[in-house]
Amino acid sequence: MSDAPHTPTLAPDVLAAQALAKQHGVGTPNVLTTPIAETREKSRAYQAWLSQPAPPVGRVVEHRLDHLPVPATLRLYYPDGATDAPLPLYLHLHGGGFAHGDLDTLDRWKREIAAEAGIVTAGLSYALSPEARYPVALEQVLGALRWLRDQAPSLGLDASRLAVGGESAGGNLTLAALQRLRDEGDVFIKTGVVIYGMLSARRDTPSHESFGDGRFGLSTEKLDWFWQQYVTDAAQLTDPGVAPLHADVAGLPPLILQAAALDPLLDDTLDLANKLFATGAAPNFIVYSGVPHSFIGMTRLLPQAQEARTDLVQALKRNLAA
């Protein structure tokens, strides 16, 4: 046996999917060298490519939340064959470093979750930075969750079976929102989902050291750029509302955690899991090997993304059971 150190590598399926995206001229551009408007436009094109053909669902309905201080739009995906019985709902908050992404991000994935779990899946068009900085997006998330609870009967939802989750920056907003609801004594979310969450601005973790050079896509330098767009002052980077990994995690609803093994943010999820275990909680926690940050959106191409989606569907069905 060789004692040579193991060199982390992307799974062959990931390399093949990335090559296909490059062949079609799509992908997420480098925010360090691309103007933000162009980054958003190219990210939308990449998401559209990943989502086609769009899997069918029963119906898609949008609601404009004009009552919020900063209005936002909710998009609800209802599963096919839905009856008059109230359904559970899972609100997913998209990633994009707080700076890009929209309602169409993970459109295919949200449709698949709705169809496979038999629940209503939703997305939120929260305000992006740097135009809107902390805490605008977080306040929109809290407002949207409370609106979904209060309007549940008219929306065909079961207010006692609501979930919220997100990937990357959306994972940050998820954890921060759950902590705020707990602290305000307004606990009504039944379960939460954090997928490779952007939970702290730390740069000195083992996963940053191993994967922060950007060879797998996301880098420490890019994360620093995203954080600079999100806050108004560097001192906020240790604020638990900005970096919810630094806040108390006791008393939260059951959490479902998913992480990518080749991700500079891996230790954020690992540390969150350890903090939860220390409180006596038992999060559903899986790390997927051979994949980078943002892999879940590639369910059209990537078996690992399909596996993660199936795992999430099963966990949501368990946690949102009547």
C-alpha atoms as a PDB file:
ATOM      1  CA  MET A   1       0.000   0.000   0.000  1.00  0.00           C
ATOM      2  CA  SER A   2       1.160   3.514  -0.790  1.00  0.00           C
ATOM      3  CA  ASP A   3       1.613   6.082   1.956  1.00  0.00           C
ATOM      4  CA  ALA A   4       1.290   8.936  -0.546  1.00  0.00           C
ATOM      5  CA  PRO A   5      -1.287  11.544   0.486  1.00  0.00           C
ATOM      6  CA  HIS A   6      -4.666  11.306  -1.206  1.00  0.00           C
ATOM      7  CA  THR A   7      -5.313  14.060  -3.749  1.00  0.00           C
ATOM      8  CA  PRO A   8      -9.000  15.006  -3.814  1.00  0.00           C
ATOM      9  CA  THR A   9     -10.511  14.777  -7.286  1.00  0.00           C
ATOM     10  CA  LEU A  10     -13.881  15.365  -8.836  1.00  0.00           C
ATOM     11  CA  ALA A  11     -15.936  12.280  -9.605  1.00  0.00           C
ATOM     12  CA  PRO A  12     -15.887  11.278 -13.293  1.00  0.00           C
ATOM     13  CA  ASP A  13     -19.615  12.042 -13.544  1.00  0.00           C
ATOM     14  CA  VAL A  14     -18.955  15.612 -12.401  1.00  0.00           C
ATOM     15  CA  LEU A  15     -16.140  16.083 -14.912  1.00  0.00           C
ATOM     16  CA  ALA A  16     -18.407  14.802 -17.690  1.00  0.00           C
ATOM     17  CA  ALA A  17     -21.234  17.156 -16.667  1.00  0.00           C
ATOM     18  CA  GLN A  18     -18.873  20.126 -16.510  1.00  0.00           C
ATOM     19  CA  ALA A  19     -17.479  19.276 -19.935  1.00  0.00           C
ATOM     20  CA  LEU A  20     -20.991  19.130 -21.382  1.00  0.00           C
ATOM     21  CA  ALA A  21     -21.852  22.528 -19.897  1.00  0.00           C
ATOM     22  CA  LYS A  22     -18.658  23.994 -21.363  1.00  0.00           C
ATOM     23  CA  GLN A  23     -19.507  22.477 -24.734  1.00  0.00           C
ATOM     24  CA  HIS A  24     -22.849  24.301 -24.631  1.00  0.00           C
ATOM     25  CA  GLY A  25     -21.200  27.552 -23.559  1.00  0.00           C
ATOM     26  CA  VAL A  26     -22.934  27.812 -20.187  1.00  0.00           C
ATOM     27  CA  GLY A  27     -21.719  28.044 -16.622  1.00  0.00           C
ATOM     28  CA  THR A  28     -21.460  30.347 -13.632  1.00  0.00           C
ATOM     29  CA  PRO A  29     -18.964  33.130 -14.419  1.00  0.00           C
ATOM     30  CA  ASN A  30     -16.168  34.306 -12.151  1.00  0.00           C
ATOM     31  CA  VAL A  31     -17.565  37.132 -10.020  1.00  0.00           C
ATOM     32  CA  LEU A  32     -14.043  38.469  -9.472  1.00  0.00           C
ATOM     33  CA  THR A  33     -13.634  39.317 -13.155  1.00  0.00           C
ATOM     34  CA  THR A  34     -17.216  39.642 -14.440  1.00  0.00           C
ATOM     35  CA  PRO A  35     -19.536  42.630 -13.832  1.00  0.00           C
ATOM     36  CA  ILE A  36     -22.417  41.693 -11.578  1.00  0.00           C
ATOM     37  CA  ALA A  37     -25.089  42.335 -14.238  1.00  0.00           C
ATOM     38  CA  GLU A  38     -23.299  39.974 -16.622  1.00  0.00           C
ATOM     39  CA  THR A  39     -22.809  37.416 -13.852  1.00  0.00           C
ATOM     40  CA  ARG A  40     -26.544  37.412 -13.167  1.00  0.00           C
ATOM     41  CA  GLU A  41     -27.423  37.113 -16.853  1.00  0.00           C
ATOM     42  CA  LYS A  42     -25.037  34.219 -17.459  1.00  0.00           C
ATOM     43  CA  SER A  43     -26.125  32.480 -14.257  1.00  0.00           C
ATOM     44  CA  ARG A  44     -29.750  32.667 -15.441  1.00  0.00           C
ATOM     45  CA  ALA A  45     -28.754  31.137 -18.775  1.00  0.00           C
ATOM     46  CA  TYR A  46     -26.896  28.333 -16.996  1.00  0.00           C
ATOM     47  CA  GLN A  47     -29.857  27.626 -14.713  1.00  0.00           C
ATOM     48  CA  ALA A  48     -32.207  27.572 -17.704  1.00  0.00           C
ATOM     49  CA  TRP A  49     -29.960  25.023 -19.420  1.00  0.00           C
ATOM     50  CA  LEU A  50     -29.805  22.850 -16.290  1.00  0.00           C
ATOM     51  CA  SER A  51     -33.579  22.957 -15.848  1.00  0.00           C
ATOM     52  CA  GLN A  52     -34.647  21.948 -19.350  1.00  0.00           C
ATOM     53  CA  PRO A  53     -36.811  20.168 -20.060  1.00  0.00           C
ATOM     54  CA  ALA A  54     -38.859  21.370 -17.112  1.00  0.00           C
ATOM     55  CA  PRO A  55     -40.513  18.417 -15.352  1.00  0.00           C
ATOM     56  CA  PRO A  56     -44.304  18.814 -15.166  1.00  0.00           C
ATOM     57  CA  VAL A  57     -46.087  19.679 -11.939  1.00  0.00           C
ATOM     58  CA  GLY A  58     -49.767  20.207 -11.218  1.00  0.00           C
ATOM     59  CA  ARG A  59     -49.638  23.990 -11.320  1.00  0.00           C
ATOM     60  CA  VAL A  60     -47.342  26.924 -10.630  1.00  0.00           C
ATOM     61  CA  VAL A  61     -48.679  30.040  -8.898  1.00  0.00           C
ATOM     62  CA  GLU A  62     -46.910  33.289  -8.021  1.00  0.00           C
ATOM     63  CA  HIS A  63     -47.834  35.726  -5.246  1.00  0.00           C
ATOM     64  CA  ARG A  64     -46.431  39.235  -4.919  1.00  0.00           C
ATOM     65  CA  LEU A  65     -45.769  40.145  -1.278  1.00  0.00           C
ATOM     66  CA  ASP A  66     -46.293  43.889  -1.580  1.00  0.00           C
ATOM     67  CA  HIS A  67     -46.936  44.250   2.150  1.00  0.00           C
ATOM     68  CA  LEU A  68     -43.268  43.647   2.964  1.00  0.00           C
ATOM     69  CA  PRO A  69     -41.022  46.704   3.477  1.00  0.00           C
ATOM     70  CA  VAL A  70     -39.112  45.458   0.439  1.00  0.00           C
ATOM     71  CA  PRO A  71     -41.614  43.527  -1.722  1.00  0.00           C
ATOM     72  CA  ALA A  72     -40.770  40.044  -2.997  1.00  0.00           C
ATOM     73  CA  THR A  73     -42.407  37.317  -5.072  1.00  0.00           C
ATOM     74  CA  LEU A  74     -43.186  33.775  -3.962  1.00  0.00           C
ATOM     75  CA  ARG A  75     -43.543  31.006  -6.540  1.00  0.00           C
ATOM     76  CA  LEU A  76     -45.421  27.876  -5.447  1.00  0.00           C
ATOM     77  CA  TYR A  77     -45.132  24.552  -7.266  1.00  0.00           C
ATOM     78  CA  TYR A  78     -48.106  22.278  -6.525  1.00  0.00           C
ATOM     79  CA  PRO A  79     -47.676  18.548  -7.200  1.00  0.00           C
ATOM     80  CA  ASP A  80     -49.811  16.855  -9.820  1.00  0.00           C
ATOM     81  CA  GLY A  81     -52.876  15.107  -8.468  1.00  0.00           C
ATOM     82  CA  ALA A  82     -53.140  17.322  -5.387  1.00  0.00           C
ATOM     83  CA  THR A  83     -56.487  16.921  -3.629  1.00  0.00           C
ATOM     84  CA  ASP A  84     -58.406  19.384  -1.497  1.00  0.00           C
ATOM     85  CA  ALA A  85     -56.543  18.193   1.594  1.00  0.00           C
ATOM     86  CA  PRO A  86     -54.034  20.787   2.874  1.00  0.00           C
ATOM     87  CA  LEU A  87     -50.467  19.984   1.826  1.00  0.00           C
ATOM     88  CA  PRO A  88     -47.123  20.535   3.526  1.00  0.00           C
ATOM     89  CA  LEU A  89     -44.855  23.199   2.021  1.00  0.00           C
ATOM     90  CA  TYR A  90     -41.105  23.470   1.608  1.00  0.00           C
ATOM     91  CA  LEU A  91     -39.772  26.979   0.867  1.00  0.00           C
ATOM     92  CA  HIS A  92     -36.320  26.800  -0.734  1.00  0.00           C
ATOM     93  CA  LEU A  93     -34.041  29.858  -0.697  1.00  0.00           C
ATOM     94  CA  HIS A  94     -31.627  29.895  -3.619  1.00  0.00           C
ATOM     95  CA  GLY A  95     -27.881  30.341  -3.423  1.00  0.00           C
ATOM     96  CA  GLY A  96     -25.664  32.745  -5.332  1.00  0.00           C
ATOM     97  CA  GLY A  97     -23.647  34.398  -2.591  1.00  0.00           C
ATOM     98  CA  PHE A  98     -26.528  36.815  -1.850  1.00  0.00           C
ATOM     99  CA  ALA A  99     -25.578  38.536  -5.145  1.00  0.00           C
ATOM    100  CA  HIS A 100     -27.149  36.457  -7.932  1.00  0.00           C
ATOM    101  CA  GLY A 101     -29.888  33.893  -8.436  1.00  0.00           C
ATOM    102  CA  ASP A 102     -33.654  34.302  -8.755  1.00  0.00           C
ATOM    103  CA  LEU A 103     -36.949  32.414  -8.864  1.00  0.00           C
ATOM    104  CA  ASP A 104     -35.738  30.328 -11.805  1.00  0.00           C
ATOM    105  CA  THR A 105     -32.667  29.079  -9.916  1.00  0.00           C
ATOM    106  CA  LEU A 106     -33.082  25.309  -9.343  1.00  0.00           C
ATOM    107  CA  ASP A 107     -36.433  25.392 -11.161  1.00  0.00           C
ATOM    108  CA  ARG A 108     -36.057  21.760 -12.256  1.00  0.00           C
ATOM    109  CA  TRP A 109     -34.973  20.677  -8.774  1.00  0.00           C
ATOM    110  CA  LYS A 110     -37.930  22.394  -7.076  1.00  0.00           C
ATOM    111  CA  ARG A 111     -40.316  20.754  -9.525  1.00  0.00           C
ATOM    112  CA  GLU A 112     -38.744  17.357  -8.830  1.00  0.00           C
ATOM    113  CA  ILE A 113     -39.037  17.842  -5.064  1.00  0.00           C
ATOM    114  CA  ALA A 114     -42.713  18.775  -5.394  1.00  0.00           C
ATOM    115  CA  ALA A 115     -43.477  15.779  -7.602  1.00  0.00           C
ATOM    116  CA  GLU A 116     -41.483  13.189  -5.662  1.00  0.00           C
ATOM    117  CA  ALA A 117     -42.362  14.336  -2.148  1.00  0.00           C
ATOM    118  CA  GLY A 118     -45.990  15.150  -2.966  1.00  0.00           C
ATOM    119  CA  ILE A 119     -45.661  18.524  -1.260  1.00  0.00           C
ATOM    120  CA  VAL A 120     -45.837  22.140  -2.359  1.00  0.00           C
ATOM    121  CA  THR A 121     -42.381  23.516  -3.075  1.00  0.00           C
ATOM    122  CA  ALA A 122     -41.718  27.243  -3.227  1.00  0.00           C
ATOM    123  CA  GLY A 123     -39.060  29.778  -4.135  1.00  0.00           C
ATOM    124  CA  LEU A 124     -38.598  33.406  -3.078  1.00  0.00           C
ATOM    125  CA  SER A 125     -37.197  36.332  -5.064  1.00  0.00           C
ATOM    126  CA  TYR A 126     -35.315  37.880  -2.155  1.00  0.00           C
ATOM    127  CA  ALA A 127     -33.414  41.118  -2.776  1.00  0.00           C
ATOM    128  CA  LEU A 128     -29.812  40.769  -3.931  1.00  0.00           C
ATOM    129  CA  SER A 129     -26.669  42.510  -2.753  1.00  0.00           C
ATOM    130  CA  PRO A 130     -24.928  44.884  -3.119  1.00  0.00           C
ATOM    131  CA  GLU A 131     -28.118  46.785  -3.995  1.00  0.00           C
ATOM    132  CA  ALA A 132     -29.788  45.396  -0.856  1.00  0.00           C
ATOM    133  CA  ARG A 133     -27.508  44.462   2.015  1.00  0.00           C
ATOM    134  CA  TYR A 134     -28.087  42.686   5.326  1.00  0.00           C
ATOM    135  CA  PRO A 135     -30.692  42.448   6.842  1.00  0.00           C
ATOM    136  CA  VAL A 136     -33.034  43.103   3.877  1.00  0.00           C
ATOM    137  CA  ALA A 137     -33.108  39.547   2.499  1.00  0.00           C
ATOM    138  CA  LEU A 138     -33.447  38.013   5.962  1.00  0.00           C
ATOM    139  CA  GLU A 139     -36.417  40.247   6.774  1.00  0.00           C
ATOM    140  CA  GLN A 140     -38.034  39.246   3.473  1.00  0.00           C
ATOM    141  CA  VAL A 141     -37.608  35.568   4.333  1.00  0.00           C
ATOM    142  CA  LEU A 142     -39.182  36.041   7.751  1.00  0.00           C
ATOM    143  CA  GLY A 143     -42.048  38.001   6.210  1.00  0.00           C
ATOM    144  CA  ALA A 144     -42.620  35.351   3.538  1.00  0.00           C
ATOM    145  CA  LEU A 145     -42.686  32.526   6.093  1.00  0.00           C
ATOM    146  CA  ARG A 146     -45.202  34.339   8.275  1.00  0.00           C
ATOM    147  CA  TRP A 147     -47.335  35.156   5.231  1.00  0.00           C
ATOM    148  CA  LEU A 148     -47.354  31.482   4.199  1.00  0.00           C
ATOM    149  CA  ARG A 149     -48.444  30.486   7.699  1.00  0.00           C
ATOM    150  CA  ASP A 150     -51.166  33.124   7.916  1.00  0.00           C
ATOM    151  CA  GLN A 151     -52.485  32.508   4.390  1.00  0.00           C
ATOM    152  CA  ALA A 152     -52.146  28.709   4.542  1.00  0.00           C
ATOM    153  CA  PRO A 153     -55.899  27.923   4.354  1.00  0.00           C
ATOM    154  CA  SER A 154     -56.405  29.969   1.182  1.00  0.00           C
ATOM    155  CA  LEU A 155     -53.241  28.503  -0.375  1.00  0.00           C
ATOM    156  CA  GLY A 156     -54.193  24.876   0.260  1.00  0.00           C
ATOM    157  CA  LEU A 157     -51.388  24.482   2.801  1.00  0.00           C
ATOM    158  CA  ASP A 158     -51.146  22.864   6.205  1.00  0.00           C
ATOM    159  CA  ALA A 159     -49.781  25.605   8.469  1.00  0.00           C
ATOM    160  CA  SER A 160     -48.528  22.992  10.924  1.00  0.00           C
ATOM    161  CA  ARG A 161     -46.293  21.389   8.266  1.00  0.00           C
ATOM    162  CA  LEU A 162     -44.126  24.180   6.878  1.00  0.00           C
ATOM    163  CA  ALA A 163     -40.416  23.819   6.143  1.00  0.00           C
ATOM    164  CA  VAL A 164     -37.706  26.197   4.988  1.00  0.00           C
ATOM    165  CA  GLY A 165     -34.300  25.503   3.536  1.00  0.00           C
ATOM    166  CA  GLY A 166     -31.677  26.720   1.145  1.00  0.00           C
ATOM    167  CA  GLU A 167     -28.310  26.121  -0.416  1.00  0.00           C
ATOM    168  CA  SER A 168     -25.183  28.251   0.082  1.00  0.00           C
ATOM    169  CA  ALA A 169     -26.378  31.809   0.836  1.00  0.00           C
ATOM    170  CA  GLY A 170     -29.898  30.385   1.058  1.00  0.00           C
ATOM    171  CA  GLY A 171     -28.656  28.048   3.785  1.00  0.00           C
ATOM    172  CA  ASN A 172     -27.394  31.098   5.662  1.00  0.00           C
ATOM    173  CA  LEU A 173     -30.791  32.802   5.402  1.00  0.00           C
ATOM    174  CA  THR A 174     -32.489  29.585   6.508  1.00  0.00           C
ATOM    175  CA  LEU A 175     -30.439  29.149   9.665  1.00  0.00           C
ATOM    176  CA  ALA A 176     -30.588  32.853  10.531  1.00  0.00           C
ATOM    177  CA  ALA A 177     -34.382  32.904  10.040  1.00  0.00           C
ATOM    178  CA  LEU A 178     -34.898  29.837  12.248  1.00  0.00           C
ATOM    179  CA  GLN A 179     -32.765  31.413  14.973  1.00  0.00           C
ATOM    180  CA  ARG A 180     -34.729  34.666  14.775  1.00  0.00           C
ATOM    181  CA  LEU A 181     -38.076  32.870  14.973  1.00  0.00           C
ATOM    182  CA  ARG A 182     -36.851  30.913  17.997  1.00  0.00           C
ATOM    183  CA  ASP A 183     -35.549  34.055  19.720  1.00  0.00           C
ATOM    184  CA  GLU A 184     -38.830  35.890  19.061  1.00  0.00           C
ATOM    185  CA  GLY A 185     -40.898  32.992  20.412  1.00  0.00           C
ATOM    186  CA  ASP A 186     -42.584  32.469  17.051  1.00  0.00           C
ATOM    187  CA  VAL A 187     -41.717  28.828  16.469  1.00  0.00           C
ATOM    188  CA  PHE A 188     -43.904  27.398  13.699  1.00  0.00           C
ATOM    189  CA  ILE A 189     -41.492  25.853  11.182  1.00  0.00           C
ATOM    190  CA  LYS A 190     -41.498  22.064  11.451  1.00  0.00           C
ATOM    191  CA  THR A 191     -38.125  21.357   9.819  1.00  0.00           C
ATOM    192  CA  GLY A 192     -35.197  23.158   8.191  1.00  0.00           C
ATOM    193  CA  VAL A 193     -32.744  22.287   5.423  1.00  0.00           C
ATOM    194  CA  VAL A 194     -29.186  23.618   5.093  1.00  0.00           C
ATOM    195  CA  ILE A 195     -27.304  22.536   1.955  1.00  0.00           C
ATOM    196  CA  TYR A 196     -23.608  23.477   1.891  1.00  0.00           C
ATOM    197  CA  GLY A 197     -24.496  26.614   3.813  1.00  0.00           C
ATOM    198  CA  MET A 198     -22.470  29.828   3.665  1.00  0.00           C
ATOM    199  CA  LEU A 199     -22.712  30.105   7.435  1.00  0.00           C
ATOM    200  CA  SER A 200     -19.633  32.102   8.439  1.00  0.00           C
ATOM    201  CA  ALA A 201     -16.963  34.339   6.941  1.00  0.00           C
ATOM    202  CA  ARG A 202     -14.135  32.245   8.384  1.00  0.00           C
ATOM    203  CA  ARG A 203     -11.128  31.706   6.112  1.00  0.00           C
ATOM    204  CA  ASP A 204      -8.934  29.571   8.409  1.00  0.00           C
ATOM    205  CA  THR A 205     -10.781  26.246   8.319  1.00  0.00           C
ATOM    206  CA  PRO A 206      -9.295  22.989   7.006  1.00  0.00           C
ATOM    207  CA  SER A 207     -11.769  22.970   4.111  1.00  0.00           C
ATOM    208  CA  HIS A 208     -10.731  26.474   3.060  1.00  0.00           C
ATOM    209  CA  GLU A 209      -7.115  25.374   3.247  1.00  0.00           C
ATOM    210  CA  SER A 210      -7.810  22.261   1.163  1.00  0.00           C
ATOM    211  CA  PHE A 211     -10.315  23.581  -1.383  1.00  0.00           C
ATOM    212  CA  GLY A 212     -10.214  27.378  -1.197  1.00  0.00           C
ATOM    213  CA  ASP A 213      -7.875  27.791  -4.162  1.00  0.00           C
ATOM    214  CA  GLY A 214     -10.810  27.585  -6.562  1.00  0.00           C
ATOM    215  CA  ARG A 215      -9.809  24.499  -8.508  1.00  0.00           C
ATOM    216  CA  PHE A 216     -13.256  23.024  -7.815  1.00  0.00           C
ATOM    217  CA  GLY A 217     -15.122  26.258  -8.593  1.00  0.00           C
ATOM    218  CA  LEU A 218     -15.881  28.173  -5.402  1.00  0.00           C
ATOM    219  CA  SER A 219     -12.853  29.798  -3.752  1.00  0.00           C
ATOM    220  CA  THR A 220     -11.990  31.645  -0.562  1.00  0.00           C
ATOM    221  CA  GLU A 221     -11.402  34.782  -2.630  1.00  0.00           C
ATOM    222  CA  LYS A 222     -14.850  34.568  -4.222  1.00  0.00           C
ATOM    223  CA  LEU A 223     -16.471  34.027  -0.830  1.00  0.00           C
ATOM    224  CA  ASP A 224     -14.693  37.098   0.518  1.00  0.00           C
ATOM    225  CA  TRP A 225     -16.119  39.078  -2.407  1.00  0.00           C
ATOM    226  CA  PHE A 226     -19.651  37.832  -1.712  1.00  0.00           C
ATOM    227  CA  TRP A 227     -19.393  38.740   1.966  1.00  0.00           C
ATOM    228  CA  GLN A 228     -18.179  42.244   1.067  1.00  0.00           C
ATOM    229  CA  GLN A 229     -21.308  42.762  -1.025  1.00  0.00           C
ATOM    230  CA  TYR A 230     -23.637  41.503   1.706  1.00  0.00           C
ATOM    231  CA  VAL A 231     -22.566  43.639   4.683  1.00  0.00           C
ATOM    232  CA  THR A 232     -22.219  47.386   5.110  1.00  0.00           C
ATOM    233  CA  ASP A 233     -19.310  47.084   7.531  1.00  0.00           C
ATOM    234  CA  ALA A 234     -16.696  44.359   8.002  1.00  0.00           C
ATOM    235  CA  ALA A 235     -17.517  44.311  11.733  1.00  0.00           C
ATOM    236  CA  GLN A 236     -20.868  42.729  10.831  1.00  0.00           C
ATOM    237  CA  LEU A 237     -19.115  39.562   9.654  1.00  0.00           C
ATOM    238  CA  THR A 238     -19.102  38.266  13.238  1.00  0.00           C
ATOM    239  CA  ASP A 239     -22.737  39.264  13.845  1.00  0.00           C
ATOM    240  CA  PRO A 240     -24.736  36.048  14.381  1.00  0.00           C
ATOM    241  CA  GLY A 241     -27.444  37.397  12.107  1.00  0.00           C
ATOM    242  CA  VAL A 242     -24.911  37.609   9.281  1.00  0.00           C
ATOM    243  CA  ALA A 243     -22.946  34.502  10.246  1.00  0.00           C
ATOM    244  CA  PRO A 244     -25.480  32.232  11.973  1.00  0.00           C
ATOM    245  CA  LEU A 245     -22.905  29.529  12.703  1.00  0.00           C
ATOM    246  CA  HIS A 246     -21.775  31.806  15.544  1.00  0.00           C
ATOM    247  CA  ALA A 247     -25.241  31.838  17.148  1.00  0.00           C
ATOM    248  CA  ASP A 248     -26.807  29.400  19.598  1.00  0.00           C
ATOM    249  CA  VAL A 249     -28.307  26.415  17.759  1.00  0.00           C
ATOM    250  CA  ALA A 250     -30.307  24.963  20.646  1.00  0.00           C
ATOM    251  CA  GLY A 251     -34.072  24.867  20.332  1.00  0.00           C
ATOM    252  CA  LEU A 252     -34.238  24.766  16.539  1.00  0.00           C
ATOM    253  CA  PRO A 253     -36.578  22.459  14.621  1.00  0.00           C
ATOM    254  CA  PRO A 254     -35.054  19.222  13.264  1.00  0.00           C
ATOM    255  CA  LEU A 255     -32.485  20.044  10.604  1.00  0.00           C
ATOM    256  CA  ILE A 256     -31.539  18.240   7.395  1.00  0.00           C
ATOM    257  CA  LEU A 257     -27.921  18.954   6.423  1.00  0.00           C
ATOM    258  CA  GLN A 258     -26.235  18.173   3.116  1.00  0.00           C
ATOM    259  CA  ALA A 259     -22.670  19.071   2.151  1.00  0.00           C
ATOM    260  CA  ALA A 260     -20.235  18.668  -0.729  1.00  0.00           C
ATOM    261  CA  ALA A 261     -16.918  17.003   0.060  1.00  0.00           C
ATOM    262  CA  LEU A 262     -14.875  19.283  -2.264  1.00  0.00           C
ATOM    263  CA  ASP A 263     -16.143  22.611  -0.987  1.00  0.00           C
ATOM    264  CA  PRO A 264     -14.346  25.352   0.979  1.00  0.00           C
ATOM    265  CA  LEU A 265     -17.587  25.680   2.977  1.00  0.00           C
ATOM    266  CA  LEU A 266     -17.580  22.026   4.074  1.00  0.00           C
ATOM    267  CA  ASP A 267     -16.438  22.868   7.604  1.00  0.00           C
ATOM    268  CA  ASP A 268     -19.330  25.275   8.086  1.00  0.00           C
ATOM    269  CA  THR A 269     -21.744  22.349   7.756  1.00  0.00           C
ATOM    270  CA  LEU A 270     -19.533  19.992   9.759  1.00  0.00           C
ATOM    271  CA  ASP A 271     -19.280  22.516  12.586  1.00  0.00           C
ATOM    272  CA  LEU A 272     -23.017  23.174  12.510  1.00  0.00           C
ATOM    273  CA  ALA A 273     -23.663  19.424  12.780  1.00  0.00           C
ATOM    274  CA  ASN A 274     -21.266  19.147  15.727  1.00  0.00           C
ATOM    275  CA  LYS A 275     -22.904  22.088  17.507  1.00  0.00           C
ATOM    276  CA  LEU A 276     -26.304  20.481  17.006  1.00  0.00           C
ATOM    277  CA  PHE A 277     -25.091  17.111  18.289  1.00  0.00           C
ATOM    278  CA  ALA A 278     -23.686  18.881  21.368  1.00  0.00           C
ATOM    279  CA  THR A 279     -27.184  20.188  22.191  1.00  0.00           C
ATOM    280  CA  GLY A 280     -28.618  16.681  21.983  1.00  0.00           C
ATOM    281  CA  ALA A 281     -30.174  17.253  18.568  1.00  0.00           C
ATOM    282  CA  ALA A 282     -29.866  14.582  15.868  1.00  0.00           C
ATOM    283  CA  PRO A 283     -29.648  16.279  12.452  1.00  0.00           C
ATOM    284  CA  ASN A 284     -30.009  14.225   9.289  1.00  0.00           C
ATOM    285  CA  PHE A 285     -26.489  14.846   7.949  1.00  0.00           C
ATOM    286  CA  ILE A 286     -24.830  13.588   4.751  1.00  0.00           C
ATOM    287  CA  VAL A 287     -21.601  14.601   2.967  1.00  0.00           C
ATOM    288  CA  TYR A 288     -21.492  13.648  -0.728  1.00  0.00           C
ATOM    289  CA  SER A 289     -18.088  12.582  -2.009  1.00  0.00           C
ATOM    290  CA  GLY A 290     -16.427  13.673  -5.242  1.00  0.00           C
ATOM    291  CA  VAL A 291     -18.674  16.694  -5.758  1.00  0.00           C
ATOM    292  CA  PRO A 292     -18.137  20.467  -5.514  1.00  0.00           C
ATOM    293  CA  HIS A 293     -20.249  23.316  -4.203  1.00  0.00           C
ATOM    294  CA  SER A 294     -23.499  23.823  -6.198  1.00  0.00           C
ATOM    295  CA  PHE A 295     -23.742  20.194  -7.330  1.00  0.00           C
ATOM    296  CA  ILE A 296     -27.407  19.693  -6.341  1.00  0.00           C
ATOM    297  CA  GLY A 297     -28.662  21.712  -9.305  1.00  0.00           C
ATOM    298  CA  MET A 298     -27.349  19.157 -11.794  1.00  0.00           C
ATOM    299  CA  THR A 299     -30.037  16.498 -11.380  1.00  0.00           C
ATOM    300  CA  ARG A 300     -30.479  16.270 -15.163  1.00  0.00           C
ATOM    301  CA  LEU A 301     -26.865  15.132 -15.481  1.00  0.00           C
ATOM    302  CA  LEU A 302     -25.377  13.997 -12.193  1.00  0.00           C
ATOM    303  CA  PRO A 303     -26.169  10.792 -10.255  1.00  0.00           C
ATOM    304  CA  GLN A 304     -24.832  12.358  -7.050  1.00  0.00           C
ATOM    305  CA  ALA A 305     -27.310  15.225  -7.406  1.00  0.00           C
ATOM    306  CA  GLN A 306     -30.113  12.724  -7.977  1.00  0.00           C
ATOM    307  CA  GLU A 307     -29.024  10.826  -4.858  1.00  0.00           C
ATOM    308  CA  ALA A 308     -28.996  13.998  -2.762  1.00  0.00           C
ATOM    309  CA  ARG A 309     -32.450  14.935  -4.046  1.00  0.00           C
ATOM    310  CA  THR A 310     -33.819  11.484  -3.180  1.00  0.00           C
ATOM    311  CA  ASP A 311     -32.270  11.699   0.286  1.00  0.00           C
ATOM    312  CA  LEU A 312     -33.842  15.114   0.817  1.00  0.00           C
ATOM    313  CA  VAL A 313     -37.265  13.956  -0.380  1.00  0.00           C
ATOM    314  CA  GLN A 314     -37.207  11.051   2.056  1.00  0.00           C
ATOM    315  CA  ALA A 315     -36.136  13.283   4.936  1.00  0.00           C
ATOM    316  CA  LEU A 316     -38.765  15.919   4.129  1.00  0.00           C
ATOM    317  CA  LYS A 317     -41.507  13.269   3.951  1.00  0.00           C
ATOM    318  CA  ARG A 318     -40.443  11.944   7.372  1.00  0.00           C
ATOM    319  CA  ASN A 319     -40.163  15.356   9.006  1.00  0.00           C
ATOM    320  CA  LEU A 320     -43.348  16.760   7.469  1.00  0.00           C
ATOM    321  CA  ALA A 321     -45.504  13.717   8.122  1.00  0.00           C
ATOM    322  CA  ALA A 322     -48.896  14.514   9.600  1.00  0.00           C
END
